[in-house]
Amino acid sequence: LDTSPTVKAFGCVVATRTSAFLAAANVTALG
């Protein structure tokens, strides 16, 4: 999951979004 193209390409976008996306950061490399 952490090395998928989506996470690699949009890491900062996802990691800085609203609370649900912060939850996503908590379970992936996005933290």
PDB file of all heavy atoms in Angstrom:
ATOM      1  N   LEU A   1       0.834  -1.207   0.000  1.00  0.00           N
ATOM      2  CA  LEU A   1       0.000   0.000   0.000  1.00  0.00           C
ATOM      3  C   LEU A   1       0.864   1.250   0.000  1.00  0.00           C
ATOM      4  O   LEU A   1       0.636   2.186  -0.779  1.00  0.00           O
ATOM      5  CB  LEU A   1      -0.918  -0.013   1.216  1.00  0.00           C
ATOM      6  CG  LEU A   1      -1.662   1.285   1.562  1.00  0.00           C
ATOM      7  CD1 LEU A   1      -2.635   1.655   0.459  1.00  0.00           C
ATOM      8  CD2 LEU A   1      -2.392   1.148   2.888  1.00  0.00           C
ATOM      9  N   ASP A   2       1.872   1.282   0.867  1.00  0.00           N
ATOM     10  CA  ASP A   2       2.690   2.479   1.033  1.00  0.00           C
ATOM     11  C   ASP A   2       3.507   2.816  -0.204  1.00  0.00           C
ATOM     12  O   ASP A   2       3.882   3.974  -0.413  1.00  0.00           O
ATOM     13  CB  ASP A   2       3.641   2.305   2.225  1.00  0.00           C
ATOM     14  CG  ASP A   2       2.895   2.028   3.516  1.00  0.00           C
ATOM     15  OD1 ASP A   2       1.674   2.258   3.560  1.00  0.00           O
ATOM     16  OD2 ASP A   2       3.537   1.573   4.478  1.00  0.00           O
ATOM     17  N   THR A   3       3.804   1.815  -1.035  1.00  0.00           N
ATOM     18  CA  THR A   3       4.633   2.034  -2.218  1.00  0.00           C
ATOM     19  C   THR A   3       3.821   2.063  -3.503  1.00  0.00           C
ATOM     20  O   THR A   3       4.377   2.005  -4.598  1.00  0.00           O
ATOM     21  CB  THR A   3       5.705   0.933  -2.315  1.00  0.00           C
ATOM     22  OG1 THR A   3       5.072  -0.358  -2.339  1.00  0.00           O
ATOM     23  CG2 THR A   3       6.654   0.991  -1.125  1.00  0.00           C
ATOM     24  N   SER A   4       2.502   2.165  -3.387  1.00  0.00           N
ATOM     25  CA  SER A   4       1.648   2.204  -4.569  1.00  0.00           C
ATOM     26  C   SER A   4       1.795   3.543  -5.290  1.00  0.00           C
ATOM     27  O   SER A   4       2.153   4.558  -4.686  1.00  0.00           O
ATOM     28  CB  SER A   4       0.185   1.999  -4.175  1.00  0.00           C
ATOM     29  OG  SER A   4      -0.277   3.100  -3.411  1.00  0.00           O
ATOM     30  N   PRO A   5       1.530   3.590  -6.600  1.00  0.00           N
ATOM     31  CA  PRO A   5       1.635   4.851  -7.337  1.00  0.00           C
ATOM     32  C   PRO A   5       0.776   5.966  -6.770  1.00  0.00           C
ATOM     33  O   PRO A   5       1.188   7.121  -6.737  1.00  0.00           O
ATOM     34  CB  PRO A   5       1.179   4.459  -8.755  1.00  0.00           C
ATOM     35  CG  PRO A   5       1.496   3.009  -8.861  1.00  0.00           C
ATOM     36  CD  PRO A   5       1.245   2.451  -7.491  1.00  0.00           C
ATOM     37  N   THR A   6      -0.434   5.639  -6.291  1.00  0.00           N
ATOM     38  CA  THR A   6      -1.321   6.669  -5.746  1.00  0.00           C
ATOM     39  C   THR A   6      -0.716   7.320  -4.521  1.00  0.00           C
ATOM     40  O   THR A   6      -0.710   8.548  -4.384  1.00  0.00           O
ATOM     41  CB  THR A   6      -2.695   6.059  -5.411  1.00  0.00           C
ATOM     42  OG1 THR A   6      -3.287   5.560  -6.610  1.00  0.00           O
ATOM     43  CG2 THR A   6      -3.622   7.089  -4.790  1.00  0.00           C
ATOM     44  N   VAL A   7      -0.205   6.520  -3.596  1.00  0.00           N
ATOM     45  CA  VAL A   7       0.388   7.078  -2.380  1.00  0.00           C
ATOM     46  C   VAL A   7       1.650   7.854  -2.711  1.00  0.00           C
ATOM     47  O   VAL A   7       1.897   8.933  -2.160  1.00  0.00           O
ATOM     48  CB  VAL A   7       0.675   5.958  -1.361  1.00  0.00           C
ATOM     49  CG1 VAL A   7       1.506   6.475  -0.194  1.00  0.00           C
ATOM     50  CG2 VAL A   7      -0.640   5.377  -0.839  1.00  0.00           C
ATOM     51  N   LYS A   8       2.477   7.345  -3.618  1.00  0.00           N
ATOM     52  CA  LYS A   8       3.703   8.048  -3.993  1.00  0.00           C
ATOM     53  C   LYS A   8       3.405   9.390  -4.649  1.00  0.00           C
ATOM     54  O   LYS A   8       4.075  10.387  -4.380  1.00  0.00           O
ATOM     55  CB  LYS A   8       4.529   7.192  -4.944  1.00  0.00           C
ATOM     56  CG  LYS A   8       5.273   6.048  -4.279  1.00  0.00           C
ATOM     57  CD  LYS A   8       6.147   5.337  -5.303  1.00  0.00           C
ATOM     58  CE  LYS A   8       7.015   4.281  -4.660  1.00  0.00           C
ATOM     59  NZ  LYS A   8       7.879   3.612  -5.651  1.00  0.00           N
ATOM     60  N   ALA A   9       2.406   9.406  -5.525  1.00  0.00           N
ATOM     61  CA  ALA A   9       2.138  10.618  -6.301  1.00  0.00           C
ATOM     62  C   ALA A   9       1.420  11.688  -5.497  1.00  0.00           C
ATOM     63  O   ALA A   9       1.658  12.881  -5.696  1.00  0.00           O
ATOM     64  CB  ALA A   9       1.321  10.268  -7.543  1.00  0.00           C
ATOM     65  N   PHE A  10       0.523  11.279  -4.601  1.00  0.00           N
ATOM     66  CA  PHE A  10      -0.331  12.235  -3.922  1.00  0.00           C
ATOM     67  C   PHE A  10      -0.128  12.250  -2.414  1.00  0.00           C
ATOM     68  O   PHE A  10      -1.009  12.652  -1.671  1.00  0.00           O
ATOM     69  CB  PHE A  10      -1.801  11.931  -4.221  1.00  0.00           C
ATOM     70  CG  PHE A  10      -2.197  12.224  -5.644  1.00  0.00           C
ATOM     71  CD1 PHE A  10      -2.641  11.201  -6.465  1.00  0.00           C
ATOM     72  CD2 PHE A  10      -2.110  13.504  -6.154  1.00  0.00           C
ATOM     73  CE1 PHE A  10      -3.011  11.464  -7.777  1.00  0.00           C
ATOM     74  CE2 PHE A  10      -2.477  13.776  -7.462  1.00  0.00           C
ATOM     75  CZ  PHE A  10      -2.926  12.748  -8.281  1.00  0.00           C
ATOM     76  N   GLY A  11       1.027  11.830  -1.952  1.00  0.00           N
ATOM     77  CA  GLY A  11       1.266  11.744  -0.520  1.00  0.00           C
ATOM     78  C   GLY A  11       0.955  13.014   0.226  1.00  0.00           C
ATOM     79  O   GLY A  11       0.196  13.019   1.200  1.00  0.00           O
ATOM     80  N   CYS A  12       1.520  14.140  -0.206  1.00  0.00           N
ATOM     81  CA  CYS A  12       1.296  15.402   0.501  1.00  0.00           C
ATOM     82  C   CYS A  12      -0.151  15.857   0.387  1.00  0.00           C
ATOM     83  O   CYS A  12      -0.704  16.421   1.329  1.00  0.00           O
ATOM     84  CB  CYS A  12       2.232  16.483  -0.045  1.00  0.00           C
ATOM     85  SG  CYS A  12       3.920  16.353   0.590  1.00  0.00           S
ATOM     86  N   VAL A  13      -0.754  15.614  -0.778  1.00  0.00           N
ATOM     87  CA  VAL A  13      -2.142  16.019  -0.958  1.00  0.00           C
ATOM     88  C   VAL A  13      -3.032  15.291   0.045  1.00  0.00           C
ATOM     89  O   VAL A  13      -3.848  15.884   0.742  1.00  0.00           O
ATOM     90  CB  VAL A  13      -2.614  15.718  -2.399  1.00  0.00           C
ATOM     91  CG1 VAL A  13      -4.095  16.037  -2.547  1.00  0.00           C
ATOM     92  CG2 VAL A  13      -1.795  16.528  -3.396  1.00  0.00           C
ATOM     93  N   VAL A  14      -2.838  13.984   0.125  1.00  0.00           N
ATOM     94  CA  VAL A  14      -3.669  13.185   1.016  1.00  0.00           C
ATOM     95  C   VAL A  14      -3.365  13.498   2.473  1.00  0.00           C
ATOM     96  O   VAL A  14      -4.257  13.647   3.306  1.00  0.00           O
ATOM     97  CB  VAL A  14      -3.458  11.683   0.735  1.00  0.00           C
ATOM     98  CG1 VAL A  14      -4.300  10.856   1.687  1.00  0.00           C
ATOM     99  CG2 VAL A  14      -3.811  11.354  -0.699  1.00  0.00           C
ATOM    100  N   ALA A  15      -2.082  13.605   2.788  1.00  0.00           N
ATOM    101  CA  ALA A  15      -1.682  13.759   4.184  1.00  0.00           C
ATOM    102  C   ALA A  15      -2.117  15.081   4.791  1.00  0.00           C
ATOM    103  O   ALA A  15      -2.159  15.223   6.009  1.00  0.00           O
ATOM    104  CB  ALA A  15      -0.170  13.617   4.302  1.00  0.00           C
ATOM    105  N   THR A  16      -2.440  16.074   3.967  1.00  0.00           N
ATOM    106  CA  THR A  16      -2.803  17.384   4.493  1.00  0.00           C
ATOM    107  C   THR A  16      -4.286  17.690   4.338  1.00  0.00           C
ATOM    108  O   THR A  16      -4.707  18.829   4.511  1.00  0.00           O
ATOM    109  CB  THR A  16      -1.992  18.486   3.789  1.00  0.00           C
ATOM    110  OG1 THR A  16      -2.176  18.372   2.373  1.00  0.00           O
ATOM    111  CG2 THR A  16      -0.512  18.347   4.105  1.00  0.00           C
ATOM    112  N   ARG A  17      -5.103  16.681   4.008  1.00  0.00           N
ATOM    113  CA  ARG A  17      -6.527  16.932   3.826  1.00  0.00           C
ATOM    114  C   ARG A  17      -7.271  16.846   5.159  1.00  0.00           C
ATOM    115  O   ARG A  17      -6.665  16.854   6.225  1.00  0.00           O
ATOM    116  CB  ARG A  17      -7.102  15.959   2.792  1.00  0.00           C
ATOM    117  CG  ARG A  17      -6.458  16.153   1.406  1.00  0.00           C
ATOM    118  CD  ARG A  17      -7.068  15.250   0.374  1.00  0.00           C
ATOM    119  NE  ARG A  17      -8.141  15.939  -0.330  1.00  0.00           N
ATOM    120  CZ  ARG A  17      -8.748  15.436  -1.406  1.00  0.00           C
ATOM    121  NH1 ARG A  17      -8.412  14.271  -1.871  1.00  0.00           N
ATOM    122  NH2 ARG A  17      -9.703  16.112  -1.998  1.00  0.00           N
ATOM    123  N   THR A  18      -8.591  16.785   5.098  1.00  0.00           N
ATOM    124  CA  THR A  18      -9.409  16.847   6.303  1.00  0.00           C
ATOM    125  C   THR A  18      -9.254  15.601   7.157  1.00  0.00           C
ATOM    126  O   THR A  18      -8.493  14.705   6.842  1.00  0.00           O
ATOM    127  CB  THR A  18     -10.882  17.041   5.912  1.00  0.00           C
ATOM    128  OG1 THR A  18     -11.256  15.987   5.029  1.00  0.00           O
ATOM    129  CG2 THR A  18     -11.086  18.368   5.237  1.00  0.00           C
ATOM    130  N   SER A  19      -9.998  15.512   8.235  1.00  0.00           N
ATOM    131  CA  SER A  19      -9.782  14.503   9.264  1.00  0.00           C
ATOM    132  C   SER A  19      -9.750  13.079   8.725  1.00  0.00           C
ATOM    133  O   SER A  19      -8.936  12.265   9.156  1.00  0.00           O
ATOM    134  CB  SER A  19     -10.859  14.621  10.340  1.00  0.00           C
ATOM    135  OG  SER A  19     -12.146  14.463   9.757  1.00  0.00           O
ATOM    136  N   ALA A  20     -10.624  12.746   7.784  1.00  0.00           N
ATOM    137  CA  ALA A  20     -10.643  11.380   7.264  1.00  0.00           C
ATOM    138  C   ALA A  20      -9.340  11.059   6.556  1.00  0.00           C
ATOM    139  O   ALA A  20      -8.851   9.936   6.605  1.00  0.00           O
ATOM    140  CB  ALA A  20     -11.822  11.197   6.310  1.00  0.00           C
ATOM    141  N   PHE A  21      -8.753  12.054   5.895  1.00  0.00           N
ATOM    142  CA  PHE A  21      -7.502  11.821   5.184  1.00  0.00           C
ATOM    143  C   PHE A  21      -6.331  11.765   6.154  1.00  0.00           C
ATOM    144  O   PHE A  21      -5.341  11.087   5.918  1.00  0.00           O
ATOM    145  CB  PHE A  21      -7.295  12.900   4.129  1.00  0.00           C
ATOM    146  CG  PHE A  21      -8.342  12.844   3.051  1.00  0.00           C
ATOM    147  CD1 PHE A  21      -9.514  13.569   3.171  1.00  0.00           C
ATOM    148  CD2 PHE A  21      -8.191  12.038   1.954  1.00  0.00           C
ATOM    149  CE1 PHE A  21     -10.494  13.499   2.205  1.00  0.00           C
ATOM    150  CE2 PHE A  21      -9.167  11.957   0.980  1.00  0.00           C
ATOM    151  CZ  PHE A  21     -10.319  12.689   1.102  1.00  0.00           C
ATOM    152  N   LEU A  22      -6.438  12.469   7.259  1.00  0.00           N
ATOM    153  CA  LEU A  22      -5.422  12.338   8.300  1.00  0.00           C
ATOM    154  C   LEU A  22      -5.471  10.934   8.884  1.00  0.00           C
ATOM    155  O   LEU A  22      -4.444  10.368   9.255  1.00  0.00           O
ATOM    156  CB  LEU A  22      -5.638  13.387   9.388  1.00  0.00           C
ATOM    157  CG  LEU A  22      -5.412  14.835   8.938  1.00  0.00           C
ATOM    158  CD1 LEU A  22      -5.736  15.788  10.087  1.00  0.00           C
ATOM    159  CD2 LEU A  22      -3.984  15.054   8.467  1.00  0.00           C
ATOM    160  N   ALA A  23      -6.658  10.358   8.946  1.00  0.00           N
ATOM    161  CA  ALA A  23      -6.768   8.973   9.387  1.00  0.00           C
ATOM    162  C   ALA A  23      -6.061   8.057   8.407  1.00  0.00           C
ATOM    163  O   ALA A  23      -5.397   7.096   8.798  1.00  0.00           O
ATOM    164  CB  ALA A  23      -8.239   8.580   9.523  1.00  0.00           C
ATOM    165  N   ALA A  24      -6.194   8.340   7.110  1.00  0.00           N
ATOM    166  CA  ALA A  24      -5.483   7.555   6.101  1.00  0.00           C
ATOM    167  C   ALA A  24      -3.981   7.669   6.305  1.00  0.00           C
ATOM    168  O   ALA A  24      -3.242   6.695   6.159  1.00  0.00           O
ATOM    169  CB  ALA A  24      -5.870   8.021   4.696  1.00  0.00           C
ATOM    170  N   ALA A  25      -3.502   8.856   6.640  1.00  0.00           N
ATOM    171  CA  ALA A  25      -2.078   9.049   6.891  1.00  0.00           C
ATOM    172  C   ALA A  25      -1.613   8.200   8.056  1.00  0.00           C
ATOM    173  O   ALA A  25      -0.479   7.733   8.097  1.00  0.00           O
ATOM    174  CB  ALA A  25      -1.789  10.521   7.167  1.00  0.00           C
ATOM    175  N   ASN A  26      -2.504   7.962   8.997  1.00  0.00           N
ATOM    176  CA  ASN A  26      -2.146   7.202  10.181  1.00  0.00           C
ATOM    177  C   ASN A  26      -1.911   5.730   9.878  1.00  0.00           C
ATOM    178  O   ASN A  26      -1.210   5.043  10.619  1.00  0.00           O
ATOM    179  CB  ASN A  26      -3.242   7.330  11.238  1.00  0.00           C
ATOM    180  CG  ASN A  26      -2.883   6.656  12.542  1.00  0.00           C
ATOM    181  OD1 ASN A  26      -1.807   6.874  13.074  1.00  0.00           O
ATOM    182  ND2 ASN A  26      -3.798   5.846  13.054  1.00  0.00           N
ATOM    183  N   VAL A  27      -2.494   5.204   8.799  1.00  0.00           N
ATOM    184  CA  VAL A  27      -2.383   3.774   8.517  1.00  0.00           C
ATOM    185  C   VAL A  27      -1.455   3.458   7.360  1.00  0.00           C
ATOM    186  O   VAL A  27      -1.273   2.313   7.000  1.00  0.00           O
ATOM    187  CB  VAL A  27      -3.773   3.147   8.232  1.00  0.00           C
ATOM    188  CG1 VAL A  27      -4.680   3.314   9.422  1.00  0.00           C
ATOM    189  CG2 VAL A  27      -4.396   3.714   6.976  1.00  0.00           C
ATOM    190  N   THR A  28      -0.863   4.461   6.744  1.00  0.00           N
ATOM    191  CA  THR A  28       0.044   4.233   5.627  1.00  0.00           C
ATOM    192  C   THR A  28       1.330   5.004   5.856  1.00  0.00           C
ATOM    193  O   THR A  28       1.544   5.632   6.884  1.00  0.00           O
ATOM    194  CB  THR A  28      -0.588   4.709   4.298  1.00  0.00           C
ATOM    195  OG1 THR A  28      -0.636   6.138   4.296  1.00  0.00           O
ATOM    196  CG2 THR A  28      -1.997   4.169   4.124  1.00  0.00           C
ATOM    197  N   ALA A  29       2.183   4.978   4.852  1.00  0.00           N
ATOM    198  CA  ALA A  29       3.423   5.738   4.918  1.00  0.00           C
ATOM    199  C   ALA A  29       3.156   7.229   4.935  1.00  0.00           C
ATOM    200  O   ALA A  29       4.069   8.021   5.167  1.00  0.00           O
ATOM    201  CB  ALA A  29       4.302   5.398   3.711  1.00  0.00           C
ATOM    202  N   LEU A  30       1.895   7.639   4.735  1.00  0.00           N
ATOM    203  CA  LEU A  30       1.575   9.049   4.684  1.00  0.00           C
ATOM    204  C   LEU A  30       1.847   9.760   6.005  1.00  0.00           C
ATOM    205  O   LEU A  30       2.026  10.976   6.036  1.00  0.00           O
ATOM    206  CB  LEU A  30       0.101   9.247   4.307  1.00  0.00           C
ATOM    207  CG  LEU A  30      -0.261   8.771   2.896  1.00  0.00           C
ATOM    208  CD1 LEU A  30      -1.750   8.880   2.682  1.00  0.00           C
ATOM    209  CD2 LEU A  30       0.492   9.532   1.842  1.00  0.00           C
ATOM    210  N   GLY A  31       1.892   9.001   7.093  1.00  0.00           N
ATOM    211  CA  GLY A  31       2.228   9.626   8.366  1.00  0.00           C
ATOM    212  C   GLY A  31       3.580  10.279   8.316  1.00  0.00           C
ATOM    213  O   GLY A  31       3.785  11.397   8.774  1.00  0.00           O
TER     214      GLY A  31
END
